[in-house]
Amino acid sequence: ESSLDVQYGGAIAQKAELWFWTVKCWMLVCADDLFALQKMPNVISMSWGWPEPLQCQIIHCQNSEDYVERVNTEFLKITARGTTLLAASGDQGAPGDGNPGCNKPNHPISSIFPGASPWVTSVGATMLVPASEEVVEKKEDVSEAPICQKFKCATTTKEGVCTYPTALITTGGGFSHSVPVPSWQQNAVNAYLSSGVVLPEKKFFNATNRGFPDVSALGHNYVMAVGGQMEQVDGTSCSSPVFGAIITLLNGYRLNNGKALLGFVNPLLYKAWAADASTFTDITVGNNKCTEQCCNKVGFLATKGWDPVTGLGTPQFPQLLTYVQSLP
């Protein structure tokens, strides 16, 4: 995970100072330690996550909902100091880590923490899909890059939902179990719920709560160097540091022009999308009903606008930069 973050985050935000931060415990200890720092990173990407209602499975606590609320308070304090928090939306689709084997038919759609926190930018995953068989045939093996001699390189720029079995993972998404929908997301969530898209039964999710992810980035077929070898990996743990690097580039523009850090960016992202929908590539086909090993009958469908599969979509950097340049 850490090697992946450093390699791709560093490749995109090439002049950024890179930190690697680890703690022995879970999110509360991490958040407390970060907030205690005199100097904090400007952008933090977190690739780990676990279902909100199951937090006490992985850390000693009495009540998972109380634990999530306590950590969210610390996240709020961190963002108030100007740091942007991002987190992966999960790799087990709508079933999540609470139902990875797709064998619990009445199990609620899973949430994830910290990926469903209202104080983090939740990042889902897309993958490149063929525009048409004809295009693929014409462009196959045209790259002379050495890596393409060992791995099959992309021949298209069209994006779809990252999902098993084509990919190794299925992008996570859904609704928080306990956190109400924030005001900055209300219109986007309402538009999805009233769009006419087929929704899971009400018993499977709470439509009044915070939806996730907020955005997405590519999360399939990343090539990374590990132990002197090259290997391919998938995951929202790929897409989250990539989006974090994009925020770092936007921060770089602001700092170079004497402006403040972006900090908590979620309201900004939704405002940018509302002002110009082309700020994001909208992923309108696909679903997150699968996990890393099977497919379920229950999940969410991608559609026009924000959805709990790929969020607002993937960023178009020039348009996003133009919007940020217009801010004081």
C-alpha atoms as a PDB file:
ATOM      1  CA  GLU A   1       0.000   0.000   0.000  1.00  0.00           C
ATOM      2  CA  SER A   2       2.647   2.528   0.995  1.00  0.00           C
ATOM      3  CA  SER A   3       4.832   1.791  -2.034  1.00  0.00           C
ATOM      4  CA  LEU A   4       1.841   2.201  -4.335  1.00  0.00           C
ATOM      5  CA  ASP A   5       0.891   5.554  -2.786  1.00  0.00           C
ATOM      6  CA  VAL A   6       4.412   6.925  -2.994  1.00  0.00           C
ATOM      7  CA  GLN A   7       5.029   5.752  -6.547  1.00  0.00           C
ATOM      8  CA  TYR A   8       1.832   7.132  -8.082  1.00  0.00           C
ATOM      9  CA  GLY A   9       1.251  10.109  -5.827  1.00  0.00           C
ATOM     10  CA  GLY A  10       4.847  11.127  -6.358  1.00  0.00           C
ATOM     11  CA  ALA A  11       4.665  10.571 -10.113  1.00  0.00           C
ATOM     12  CA  ILE A  12       1.729  12.978 -10.454  1.00  0.00           C
ATOM     13  CA  ALA A  13       2.713  15.631  -7.889  1.00  0.00           C
ATOM     14  CA  GLN A  14       6.382  15.382  -8.762  1.00  0.00           C
ATOM     15  CA  LYS A  15       7.706  18.277  -6.697  1.00  0.00           C
ATOM     16  CA  ALA A  16       5.704  17.514  -3.585  1.00  0.00           C
ATOM     17  CA  GLU A  17       7.277  16.484  -0.303  1.00  0.00           C
ATOM     18  CA  LEU A  18       6.127  12.928   0.424  1.00  0.00           C
ATOM     19  CA  TRP A  19       5.348  11.594   3.900  1.00  0.00           C
ATOM     20  CA  PHE A  20       4.766   8.031   5.038  1.00  0.00           C
ATOM     21  CA  TRP A  21       2.779   7.855   8.271  1.00  0.00           C
ATOM     22  CA  THR A  22       1.901   4.718  10.207  1.00  0.00           C
ATOM     23  CA  VAL A  23       0.562   3.947  13.682  1.00  0.00           C
ATOM     24  CA  LYS A  24       0.162   0.675  15.579  1.00  0.00           C
ATOM     25  CA  CYS A  25      -3.556   1.186  16.230  1.00  0.00           C
ATOM     26  CA  TRP A  26      -6.506   2.439  14.181  1.00  0.00           C
ATOM     27  CA  MET A  27      -8.069   5.733  13.120  1.00  0.00           C
ATOM     28  CA  LEU A  28      -8.467   7.527  16.444  1.00  0.00           C
ATOM     29  CA  VAL A  29      -4.804   7.104  17.362  1.00  0.00           C
ATOM     30  CA  CYS A  30      -3.802   8.131  13.850  1.00  0.00           C
ATOM     31  CA  ALA A  31      -5.985  11.250  13.927  1.00  0.00           C
ATOM     32  CA  ASP A  32      -4.824  12.235  17.423  1.00  0.00           C
ATOM     33  CA  ASP A  33      -1.165  11.852  16.466  1.00  0.00           C
ATOM     34  CA  LEU A  34      -1.586  13.837  13.276  1.00  0.00           C
ATOM     35  CA  PHE A  35      -3.421  16.682  14.963  1.00  0.00           C
ATOM     36  CA  ALA A  36      -0.688  16.910  17.594  1.00  0.00           C
ATOM     37  CA  LEU A  37       1.930  17.647  14.929  1.00  0.00           C
ATOM     38  CA  GLN A  38       3.173  21.205  14.679  1.00  0.00           C
ATOM     39  CA  LYS A  39       3.499  20.740  10.914  1.00  0.00           C
ATOM     40  CA  MET A  40       0.965  18.529   9.160  1.00  0.00           C
ATOM     41  CA  PRO A  41       0.924  17.297   5.560  1.00  0.00           C
ATOM     42  CA  ASN A  42      -1.272  19.363   3.249  1.00  0.00           C
ATOM     43  CA  VAL A  43      -2.948  16.261   1.800  1.00  0.00           C
ATOM     44  CA  ILE A  44      -3.439  12.845   3.407  1.00  0.00           C
ATOM     45  CA  SER A  45      -4.633   9.748   1.539  1.00  0.00           C
ATOM     46  CA  MET A  46      -5.821   6.696   3.482  1.00  0.00           C
ATOM     47  CA  SER A  47      -6.167   3.366   1.704  1.00  0.00           C
ATOM     48  CA  TRP A  48      -7.467   1.224   4.566  1.00  0.00           C
ATOM     49  CA  GLY A  49     -11.065   0.840   5.707  1.00  0.00           C
ATOM     50  CA  TRP A  50     -13.574  -1.352   7.527  1.00  0.00           C
ATOM     51  CA  PRO A  51     -17.388  -1.295   7.792  1.00  0.00           C
ATOM     52  CA  GLU A  52     -18.662   1.502  10.036  1.00  0.00           C
ATOM     53  CA  PRO A  53     -20.780  -0.718  12.323  1.00  0.00           C
ATOM     54  CA  LEU A  54     -17.917  -3.208  12.748  1.00  0.00           C
ATOM     55  CA  GLN A  55     -15.177  -0.874  13.975  1.00  0.00           C
ATOM     56  CA  CYS A  56     -14.995  -2.653  17.335  1.00  0.00           C
ATOM     57  CA  GLN A  57     -13.991  -5.827  15.492  1.00  0.00           C
ATOM     58  CA  ILE A  58     -10.599  -4.353  14.697  1.00  0.00           C
ATOM     59  CA  ILE A  59     -10.014  -1.960  17.611  1.00  0.00           C
ATOM     60  CA  HIS A  60     -10.934  -2.172  21.285  1.00  0.00           C
ATOM     61  CA  CYS A  61     -14.062  -0.064  21.723  1.00  0.00           C
ATOM     62  CA  GLN A  62     -17.492  -0.384  23.289  1.00  0.00           C
ATOM     63  CA  ASN A  63     -19.650   0.988  20.485  1.00  0.00           C
ATOM     64  CA  SER A  64     -18.716   1.334  16.815  1.00  0.00           C
ATOM     65  CA  GLU A  65     -21.053   4.267  16.190  1.00  0.00           C
ATOM     66  CA  ASP A  66     -19.535   6.218  19.093  1.00  0.00           C
ATOM     67  CA  TYR A  67     -16.051   5.391  17.826  1.00  0.00           C
ATOM     68  CA  VAL A  68     -16.875   6.684  14.331  1.00  0.00           C
ATOM     69  CA  GLU A  69     -18.345   9.881  15.768  1.00  0.00           C
ATOM     70  CA  ARG A  70     -15.262  10.456  17.913  1.00  0.00           C
ATOM     71  CA  VAL A  71     -12.867   9.976  15.003  1.00  0.00           C
ATOM     72  CA  ASN A  72     -14.968  12.242  12.798  1.00  0.00           C
ATOM     73  CA  THR A  73     -14.540  14.988  15.389  1.00  0.00           C
ATOM     74  CA  GLU A  74     -10.772  14.619  15.069  1.00  0.00           C
ATOM     75  CA  PHE A  75     -11.018  14.614  11.279  1.00  0.00           C
ATOM     76  CA  LEU A  76     -12.971  17.882  11.454  1.00  0.00           C
ATOM     77  CA  LYS A  77     -10.193  19.416  13.547  1.00  0.00           C
ATOM     78  CA  ILE A  78      -7.553  18.263  11.064  1.00  0.00           C
ATOM     79  CA  THR A  79      -9.374  19.755   8.076  1.00  0.00           C
ATOM     80  CA  ALA A  80      -9.848  22.998  10.026  1.00  0.00           C
ATOM     81  CA  ARG A  81      -6.055  23.360   9.972  1.00  0.00           C
ATOM     82  CA  GLY A  82      -6.056  23.294   6.183  1.00  0.00           C
ATOM     83  CA  THR A  83      -5.306  19.628   5.520  1.00  0.00           C
ATOM     84  CA  THR A  84      -7.276  17.669   2.913  1.00  0.00           C
ATOM     85  CA  LEU A  85      -8.233  14.136   3.926  1.00  0.00           C
ATOM     86  CA  LEU A  86      -8.966  11.467   1.323  1.00  0.00           C
ATOM     87  CA  ALA A  87      -9.886   7.818   1.755  1.00  0.00           C
ATOM     88  CA  ALA A  88     -10.532   4.814  -0.438  1.00  0.00           C
ATOM     89  CA  SER A  89     -14.205   3.862  -0.832  1.00  0.00           C
ATOM     90  CA  GLY A  90     -13.407   0.139  -0.540  1.00  0.00           C
ATOM     91  CA  ASP A  91     -12.726  -2.797  -2.863  1.00  0.00           C
ATOM     92  CA  GLN A  92     -15.655  -5.088  -2.066  1.00  0.00           C
ATOM     93  CA  GLY A  93     -18.420  -3.206  -3.875  1.00  0.00           C
ATOM     94  CA  ALA A  94     -21.812  -2.703  -2.241  1.00  0.00           C
ATOM     95  CA  PRO A  95     -21.625  -6.007  -0.298  1.00  0.00           C
ATOM     96  CA  GLY A  96     -18.454  -4.735   1.347  1.00  0.00           C
ATOM     97  CA  ASP A  97     -16.273  -6.440   3.918  1.00  0.00           C
ATOM     98  CA  GLY A  98     -19.431  -7.293   5.825  1.00  0.00           C
ATOM     99  CA  ASN A  99     -20.518  -9.668   3.052  1.00  0.00           C
ATOM    100  CA  PRO A 100     -17.467 -10.446   0.870  1.00  0.00           C
ATOM    101  CA  GLY A 101     -18.761 -13.897  -0.050  1.00  0.00           C
ATOM    102  CA  CYS A 102     -22.153 -12.633  -1.263  1.00  0.00           C
ATOM    103  CA  ASN A 103     -23.790 -15.272   0.955  1.00  0.00           C
ATOM    104  CA  LYS A 104     -25.869 -13.051   3.261  1.00  0.00           C
ATOM    105  CA  PRO A 105     -28.974 -12.188   1.209  1.00  0.00           C
ATOM    106  CA  ASN A 106     -30.523  -9.995   3.903  1.00  0.00           C
ATOM    107  CA  HIS A 107     -27.328  -8.216   4.905  1.00  0.00           C
ATOM    108  CA  PRO A 108     -27.522  -4.395   4.618  1.00  0.00           C
ATOM    109  CA  ILE A 109     -25.347  -2.773   1.981  1.00  0.00           C
ATOM    110  CA  SER A 110     -21.986  -2.136   3.584  1.00  0.00           C
ATOM    111  CA  SER A 111     -20.484   1.207   4.452  1.00  0.00           C
ATOM    112  CA  ILE A 112     -16.808   1.837   5.128  1.00  0.00           C
ATOM    113  CA  PHE A 113     -14.792   3.916   7.537  1.00  0.00           C
ATOM    114  CA  PRO A 114     -13.014   6.223   7.072  1.00  0.00           C
ATOM    115  CA  GLY A 115     -14.271   6.157   3.466  1.00  0.00           C
ATOM    116  CA  ALA A 116     -17.802   7.238   4.450  1.00  0.00           C
ATOM    117  CA  SER A 117     -16.694  10.003   6.803  1.00  0.00           C
ATOM    118  CA  PRO A 118     -18.143  13.407   5.874  1.00  0.00           C
ATOM    119  CA  TRP A 119     -14.746  14.997   6.559  1.00  0.00           C
ATOM    120  CA  VAL A 120     -12.841  12.974   3.972  1.00  0.00           C
ATOM    121  CA  THR A 121     -13.038  12.987   0.196  1.00  0.00           C
ATOM    122  CA  SER A 122     -14.135   9.435  -0.560  1.00  0.00           C
ATOM    123  CA  VAL A 123     -12.538   8.095  -3.749  1.00  0.00           C
ATOM    124  CA  GLY A 124     -13.923   5.239  -5.841  1.00  0.00           C
ATOM    125  CA  ALA A 125     -12.345   3.445  -8.799  1.00  0.00           C
ATOM    126  CA  THR A 126     -12.891   3.232 -12.542  1.00  0.00           C
ATOM    127  CA  MET A 127     -11.216   1.139 -15.208  1.00  0.00           C
ATOM    128  CA  LEU A 128     -10.552   1.633 -18.889  1.00  0.00           C
ATOM    129  CA  VAL A 129     -12.984  -0.171 -21.165  1.00  0.00           C
ATOM    130  CA  PRO A 130     -12.896  -0.691 -24.945  1.00  0.00           C
ATOM    131  CA  ALA A 131     -14.638   2.045 -26.907  1.00  0.00           C
ATOM    132  CA  SER A 132     -15.346  -0.653 -29.510  1.00  0.00           C
ATOM    133  CA  GLU A 133     -13.693  -3.840 -30.685  1.00  0.00           C
ATOM    134  CA  GLU A 134     -12.684  -2.084 -33.868  1.00  0.00           C
ATOM    135  CA  VAL A 135     -10.778   0.612 -31.985  1.00  0.00           C
ATOM    136  CA  VAL A 136      -8.983  -1.966 -29.884  1.00  0.00           C
ATOM    137  CA  GLU A 137      -7.919  -3.974 -32.929  1.00  0.00           C
ATOM    138  CA  LYS A 138      -6.531  -0.921 -34.686  1.00  0.00           C
ATOM    139  CA  LYS A 139      -4.538   0.315 -31.685  1.00  0.00           C
ATOM    140  CA  GLU A 140      -3.326  -2.965 -30.225  1.00  0.00           C
ATOM    141  CA  ASP A 141       0.391  -3.072 -29.323  1.00  0.00           C
ATOM    142  CA  VAL A 142       1.211   0.293 -30.905  1.00  0.00           C
ATOM    143  CA  SER A 143       3.098   1.579 -27.857  1.00  0.00           C
ATOM    144  CA  GLU A 144       6.875   1.293 -27.867  1.00  0.00           C
ATOM    145  CA  ALA A 145       7.159   1.817 -24.119  1.00  0.00           C
ATOM    146  CA  PRO A 146       9.272  -1.007 -22.637  1.00  0.00           C
ATOM    147  CA  ILE A 147       6.649  -1.792 -20.004  1.00  0.00           C
ATOM    148  CA  CYS A 148       4.152  -2.566 -22.771  1.00  0.00           C
ATOM    149  CA  GLN A 149       6.337  -5.443 -23.894  1.00  0.00           C
ATOM    150  CA  LYS A 150       5.607  -7.212 -20.607  1.00  0.00           C
ATOM    151  CA  PHE A 151       2.136  -5.924 -19.747  1.00  0.00           C
ATOM    152  CA  LYS A 152      -0.832  -5.157 -21.957  1.00  0.00           C
ATOM    153  CA  CYS A 153      -1.046  -1.382 -22.132  1.00  0.00           C
ATOM    154  CA  ALA A 154      -4.193   0.697 -22.463  1.00  0.00           C
ATOM    155  CA  THR A 155      -5.625   1.222 -25.928  1.00  0.00           C
ATOM    156  CA  THR A 156      -8.555   3.424 -24.933  1.00  0.00           C
ATOM    157  CA  THR A 157      -9.388   6.360 -22.670  1.00  0.00           C
ATOM    158  CA  LYS A 158     -13.030   5.413 -22.105  1.00  0.00           C
ATOM    159  CA  GLU A 159     -13.827   4.740 -18.461  1.00  0.00           C
ATOM    160  CA  GLY A 160     -16.314   2.426 -16.786  1.00  0.00           C
ATOM    161  CA  VAL A 161     -17.049   1.206 -13.278  1.00  0.00           C
ATOM    162  CA  CYS A 162     -14.146  -0.820 -11.892  1.00  0.00           C
ATOM    163  CA  THR A 163     -15.718  -4.192 -11.148  1.00  0.00           C
ATOM    164  CA  TYR A 164     -15.010  -7.884 -10.743  1.00  0.00           C
ATOM    165  CA  PRO A 165     -14.510 -10.158 -12.668  1.00  0.00           C
ATOM    166  CA  THR A 166     -12.850  -7.927 -15.268  1.00  0.00           C
ATOM    167  CA  ALA A 167     -10.910  -6.245 -12.476  1.00  0.00           C
ATOM    168  CA  LEU A 168      -9.556  -7.752  -9.275  1.00  0.00           C
ATOM    169  CA  ILE A 169     -11.846  -5.535  -7.186  1.00  0.00           C
ATOM    170  CA  THR A 170     -15.217  -3.807  -7.277  1.00  0.00           C
ATOM    171  CA  THR A 171     -15.339  -0.162  -6.297  1.00  0.00           C
ATOM    172  CA  GLY A 172     -17.102   0.433  -2.994  1.00  0.00           C
ATOM    173  CA  GLY A 173     -20.016   2.801  -2.595  1.00  0.00           C
ATOM    174  CA  GLY A 174     -23.259   3.346  -0.785  1.00  0.00           C
ATOM    175  CA  PHE A 175     -24.518   5.278   2.226  1.00  0.00           C
ATOM    176  CA  SER A 176     -23.191   5.747   5.739  1.00  0.00           C
ATOM    177  CA  HIS A 177     -24.863   3.766   8.496  1.00  0.00           C
ATOM    178  CA  SER A 178     -24.928   6.646  10.958  1.00  0.00           C
ATOM    179  CA  VAL A 179     -23.831   9.986   9.474  1.00  0.00           C
ATOM    180  CA  PRO A 180     -26.609  12.214   8.018  1.00  0.00           C
ATOM    181  CA  VAL A 181     -26.152  13.589   4.522  1.00  0.00           C
ATOM    182  CA  PRO A 182     -24.100  16.819   4.663  1.00  0.00           C
ATOM    183  CA  SER A 183     -25.614  20.026   3.283  1.00  0.00           C
ATOM    184  CA  TRP A 184     -23.004  20.258   0.519  1.00  0.00           C
ATOM    185  CA  GLN A 185     -24.049  16.829  -0.810  1.00  0.00           C
ATOM    186  CA  GLN A 186     -27.800  17.062  -0.298  1.00  0.00           C
ATOM    187  CA  ASN A 187     -28.759  18.212  -3.806  1.00  0.00           C
ATOM    188  CA  ALA A 188     -26.590  15.633  -5.538  1.00  0.00           C
ATOM    189  CA  VAL A 189     -27.924  12.764  -3.417  1.00  0.00           C
ATOM    190  CA  ASN A 190     -31.526  13.908  -3.827  1.00  0.00           C
ATOM    191  CA  ALA A 191     -31.058  14.081  -7.596  1.00  0.00           C
ATOM    192  CA  TYR A 192     -29.818  10.481  -7.632  1.00  0.00           C
ATOM    193  CA  LEU A 193     -32.626   9.158  -5.457  1.00  0.00           C
ATOM    194  CA  SER A 194     -35.264  10.878  -7.589  1.00  0.00           C
ATOM    195  CA  SER A 195     -33.660  10.127 -10.977  1.00  0.00           C
ATOM    196  CA  GLY A 196     -35.714   7.003 -11.642  1.00  0.00           C
ATOM    197  CA  VAL A 197     -32.682   4.724 -11.404  1.00  0.00           C
ATOM    198  CA  VAL A 198     -33.491   1.315  -9.920  1.00  0.00           C
ATOM    199  CA  LEU A 199     -32.616   1.382  -6.220  1.00  0.00           C
ATOM    200  CA  PRO A 200     -32.105  -1.429  -3.715  1.00  0.00           C
ATOM    201  CA  GLU A 201     -34.942  -2.052  -1.279  1.00  0.00           C
ATOM    202  CA  LYS A 202     -35.127   0.492   1.549  1.00  0.00           C
ATOM    203  CA  LYS A 203     -34.197  -2.169   4.096  1.00  0.00           C
ATOM    204  CA  PHE A 204     -30.720  -2.400   2.614  1.00  0.00           C
ATOM    205  CA  PHE A 205     -29.577   1.241   3.053  1.00  0.00           C
ATOM    206  CA  ASN A 206     -30.421   4.563   4.700  1.00  0.00           C
ATOM    207  CA  ALA A 207     -31.113   7.098   1.962  1.00  0.00           C
ATOM    208  CA  THR A 208     -31.034  10.015   4.429  1.00  0.00           C
ATOM    209  CA  ASN A 209     -27.356   9.500   5.232  1.00  0.00           C
ATOM    210  CA  ARG A 210     -24.054  10.578   3.703  1.00  0.00           C
ATOM    211  CA  GLY A 211     -23.435   9.003   0.303  1.00  0.00           C
ATOM    212  CA  PHE A 212     -20.042   7.841  -0.903  1.00  0.00           C
ATOM    213  CA  PRO A 213     -17.795   8.003  -2.854  1.00  0.00           C
ATOM    214  CA  ASP A 214     -17.515  11.683  -3.732  1.00  0.00           C
ATOM    215  CA  VAL A 215     -15.281  11.190  -6.775  1.00  0.00           C
ATOM    216  CA  SER A 216     -13.284   8.496  -8.547  1.00  0.00           C
ATOM    217  CA  ALA A 217     -10.066   7.889 -10.423  1.00  0.00           C
ATOM    218  CA  LEU A 218      -8.624   4.946 -12.325  1.00  0.00           C
ATOM    219  CA  GLY A 219      -8.088   1.940 -10.075  1.00  0.00           C
ATOM    220  CA  HIS A 220      -7.280  -0.952 -12.441  1.00  0.00           C
ATOM    221  CA  ASN A 221      -4.061  -2.395 -13.865  1.00  0.00           C
ATOM    222  CA  TYR A 222      -1.567  -0.139 -12.098  1.00  0.00           C
ATOM    223  CA  VAL A 223       2.012  -1.311 -12.603  1.00  0.00           C
ATOM    224  CA  MET A 224       4.276  -0.803  -9.615  1.00  0.00           C
ATOM    225  CA  ALA A 225       7.790  -1.801  -8.617  1.00  0.00           C
ATOM    226  CA  VAL A 226       8.021  -4.145  -5.621  1.00  0.00           C
ATOM    227  CA  GLY A 227      11.211  -5.899  -4.542  1.00  0.00           C
ATOM    228  CA  GLY A 228      12.883  -5.247  -7.869  1.00  0.00           C
ATOM    229  CA  GLN A 229       9.970  -6.725  -9.826  1.00  0.00           C
ATOM    230  CA  MET A 230       7.058  -5.127 -11.673  1.00  0.00           C
ATOM    231  CA  GLU A 231       3.533  -6.228 -10.814  1.00  0.00           C
ATOM    232  CA  GLN A 232      -0.034  -5.179 -11.576  1.00  0.00           C
ATOM    233  CA  VAL A 233      -2.446  -4.137  -8.853  1.00  0.00           C
ATOM    234  CA  ASP A 234      -6.044  -2.882  -8.636  1.00  0.00           C
ATOM    235  CA  GLY A 235      -7.923  -0.991  -5.964  1.00  0.00           C
ATOM    236  CA  THR A 236      -9.371   2.185  -4.595  1.00  0.00           C
ATOM    237  CA  SER A 237      -6.020   2.217  -2.830  1.00  0.00           C
ATOM    238  CA  CYS A 238      -4.729   3.182  -6.289  1.00  0.00           C
ATOM    239  CA  SER A 239      -7.309   5.855  -7.005  1.00  0.00           C
ATOM    240  CA  SER A 240      -7.232   7.629  -3.629  1.00  0.00           C
ATOM    241  CA  PRO A 241      -3.535   8.674  -3.710  1.00  0.00           C
ATOM    242  CA  VAL A 242      -3.935   9.676  -7.359  1.00  0.00           C
ATOM    243  CA  PHE A 243      -6.781  12.024  -6.513  1.00  0.00           C
ATOM    244  CA  GLY A 244      -4.764  13.234  -3.547  1.00  0.00           C
ATOM    245  CA  ALA A 245      -1.919  14.118  -5.895  1.00  0.00           C
ATOM    246  CA  ILE A 246      -4.352  16.109  -8.034  1.00  0.00           C
ATOM    247  CA  ILE A 247      -5.403  18.100  -4.962  1.00  0.00           C
ATOM    248  CA  THR A 248      -1.697  18.615  -4.249  1.00  0.00           C
ATOM    249  CA  LEU A 249      -1.220  20.153  -7.705  1.00  0.00           C
ATOM    250  CA  LEU A 250      -4.171  22.475  -7.114  1.00  0.00           C
ATOM    251  CA  ASN A 251      -2.709  23.434  -3.739  1.00  0.00           C
ATOM    252  CA  GLY A 252       0.579  24.165  -5.501  1.00  0.00           C
ATOM    253  CA  TYR A 253      -1.144  26.690  -7.767  1.00  0.00           C
ATOM    254  CA  ARG A 254      -2.728  28.414  -4.783  1.00  0.00           C
ATOM    255  CA  LEU A 255       0.460  28.541  -2.726  1.00  0.00           C
ATOM    256  CA  ASN A 256       2.434  29.880  -5.688  1.00  0.00           C
ATOM    257  CA  ASN A 257      -0.118  32.682  -5.976  1.00  0.00           C
ATOM    258  CA  GLY A 258      -0.166  33.623  -2.320  1.00  0.00           C
ATOM    259  CA  LYS A 259      -3.471  31.873  -1.541  1.00  0.00           C
ATOM    260  CA  ALA A 260      -4.477  29.512   1.238  1.00  0.00           C
ATOM    261  CA  LEU A 261      -4.573  25.733   1.020  1.00  0.00           C
ATOM    262  CA  LEU A 262      -7.812  24.166  -0.201  1.00  0.00           C
ATOM    263  CA  GLY A 263      -8.262  22.200   3.013  1.00  0.00           C
ATOM    264  CA  PHE A 264     -11.664  20.545   3.225  1.00  0.00           C
ATOM    265  CA  VAL A 265     -12.445  20.235  -0.496  1.00  0.00           C
ATOM    266  CA  ASN A 266     -15.781  18.397  -0.601  1.00  0.00           C
ATOM    267  CA  PRO A 267     -18.014  21.498  -0.822  1.00  0.00           C
ATOM    268  CA  LEU A 268     -15.675  22.881  -3.499  1.00  0.00           C
ATOM    269  CA  LEU A 269     -15.867  19.708  -5.603  1.00  0.00           C
ATOM    270  CA  TYR A 270     -19.666  19.658  -5.595  1.00  0.00           C
ATOM    271  CA  LYS A 271     -19.833  23.393  -6.370  1.00  0.00           C
ATOM    272  CA  ALA A 272     -17.382  22.971  -9.251  1.00  0.00           C
ATOM    273  CA  TRP A 273     -19.485  20.134 -10.640  1.00  0.00           C
ATOM    274  CA  ALA A 274     -22.719  22.141 -10.238  1.00  0.00           C
ATOM    275  CA  ALA A 275     -21.141  25.077 -12.061  1.00  0.00           C
ATOM    276  CA  ASP A 276     -19.762  22.943 -14.904  1.00  0.00           C
ATOM    277  CA  ALA A 277     -20.573  19.235 -15.079  1.00  0.00           C
ATOM    278  CA  SER A 278     -17.675  18.710 -17.521  1.00  0.00           C
ATOM    279  CA  THR A 279     -15.302  19.240 -14.582  1.00  0.00           C
ATOM    280  CA  PHE A 280     -15.735  15.487 -14.092  1.00  0.00           C
ATOM    281  CA  THR A 281     -16.056  12.604 -16.520  1.00  0.00           C
ATOM    282  CA  ASP A 282     -19.451  11.150 -15.678  1.00  0.00           C
ATOM    283  CA  ILE A 283     -19.546   7.346 -15.440  1.00  0.00           C
ATOM    284  CA  THR A 284     -23.125   6.397 -16.330  1.00  0.00           C
ATOM    285  CA  VAL A 285     -23.021   2.639 -16.966  1.00  0.00           C
ATOM    286  CA  GLY A 286     -22.215  -0.154 -14.537  1.00  0.00           C
ATOM    287  CA  ASN A 287     -22.869  -1.156 -10.932  1.00  0.00           C
ATOM    288  CA  ASN A 288     -21.124  -2.169  -7.712  1.00  0.00           C
ATOM    289  CA  LYS A 289     -23.001  -5.408  -6.961  1.00  0.00           C
ATOM    290  CA  CYS A 290     -19.843  -7.544  -6.938  1.00  0.00           C
ATOM    291  CA  THR A 291     -16.977  -7.944  -4.470  1.00  0.00           C
ATOM    292  CA  GLU A 292     -13.451  -9.248  -5.104  1.00  0.00           C
ATOM    293  CA  GLN A 293     -14.694 -12.796  -5.620  1.00  0.00           C
ATOM    294  CA  CYS A 294     -18.421 -12.937  -6.389  1.00  0.00           C
ATOM    295  CA  CYS A 295     -21.455 -10.950  -7.505  1.00  0.00           C
ATOM    296  CA  ASN A 296     -24.533 -10.178  -5.445  1.00  0.00           C
ATOM    297  CA  LYS A 297     -28.082  -9.269  -6.454  1.00  0.00           C
ATOM    298  CA  VAL A 298     -28.074  -6.082  -4.390  1.00  0.00           C
ATOM    299  CA  GLY A 299     -26.091  -2.932  -5.158  1.00  0.00           C
ATOM    300  CA  PHE A 300     -26.207   0.471  -6.782  1.00  0.00           C
ATOM    301  CA  LEU A 301     -26.298   1.472 -10.439  1.00  0.00           C
ATOM    302  CA  ALA A 302     -24.246   4.206 -12.043  1.00  0.00           C
ATOM    303  CA  THR A 303     -26.248   6.926 -13.770  1.00  0.00           C
ATOM    304  CA  LYS A 304     -26.000  10.544 -14.899  1.00  0.00           C
ATOM    305  CA  GLY A 305     -24.677  12.839 -12.193  1.00  0.00           C
ATOM    306  CA  TRP A 306     -23.519  11.803  -8.756  1.00  0.00           C
ATOM    307  CA  ASP A 307     -24.130   8.187  -7.796  1.00  0.00           C
ATOM    308  CA  PRO A 308     -22.963   5.876  -4.969  1.00  0.00           C
ATOM    309  CA  VAL A 309     -20.790   3.937  -7.420  1.00  0.00           C
ATOM    310  CA  THR A 310     -18.271   6.451  -8.810  1.00  0.00           C
ATOM    311  CA  GLY A 311     -19.476   9.675  -7.178  1.00  0.00           C
ATOM    312  CA  LEU A 312     -19.249  12.754  -9.405  1.00  0.00           C
ATOM    313  CA  GLY A 313     -16.913  10.848 -11.725  1.00  0.00           C
ATOM    314  CA  THR A 314     -13.224  11.280 -12.525  1.00  0.00           C
ATOM    315  CA  PRO A 315     -11.574  14.719 -12.604  1.00  0.00           C
ATOM    316  CA  GLN A 316     -10.826  16.755 -15.693  1.00  0.00           C
ATOM    317  CA  PHE A 317      -7.818  18.623 -14.365  1.00  0.00           C
ATOM    318  CA  PRO A 318      -7.894  21.677 -16.690  1.00  0.00           C
ATOM    319  CA  GLN A 319     -11.529  22.430 -15.802  1.00  0.00           C
ATOM    320  CA  LEU A 320     -10.920  21.809 -12.111  1.00  0.00           C
ATOM    321  CA  LEU A 321      -7.888  24.092 -12.154  1.00  0.00           C
ATOM    322  CA  THR A 322      -9.890  26.804 -13.926  1.00  0.00           C
ATOM    323  CA  TYR A 323     -12.497  26.658 -11.186  1.00  0.00           C
ATOM    324  CA  VAL A 324      -9.863  26.802  -8.442  1.00  0.00           C
ATOM    325  CA  GLN A 325      -8.218  29.763 -10.175  1.00  0.00           C
ATOM    326  CA  SER A 326     -11.490  31.663  -9.883  1.00  0.00           C
ATOM    327  CA  LEU A 327     -11.540  31.327  -6.089  1.00  0.00           C
ATOM    328  CA  PRO A 328     -10.211  33.994  -3.751  1.00  0.00           C
END
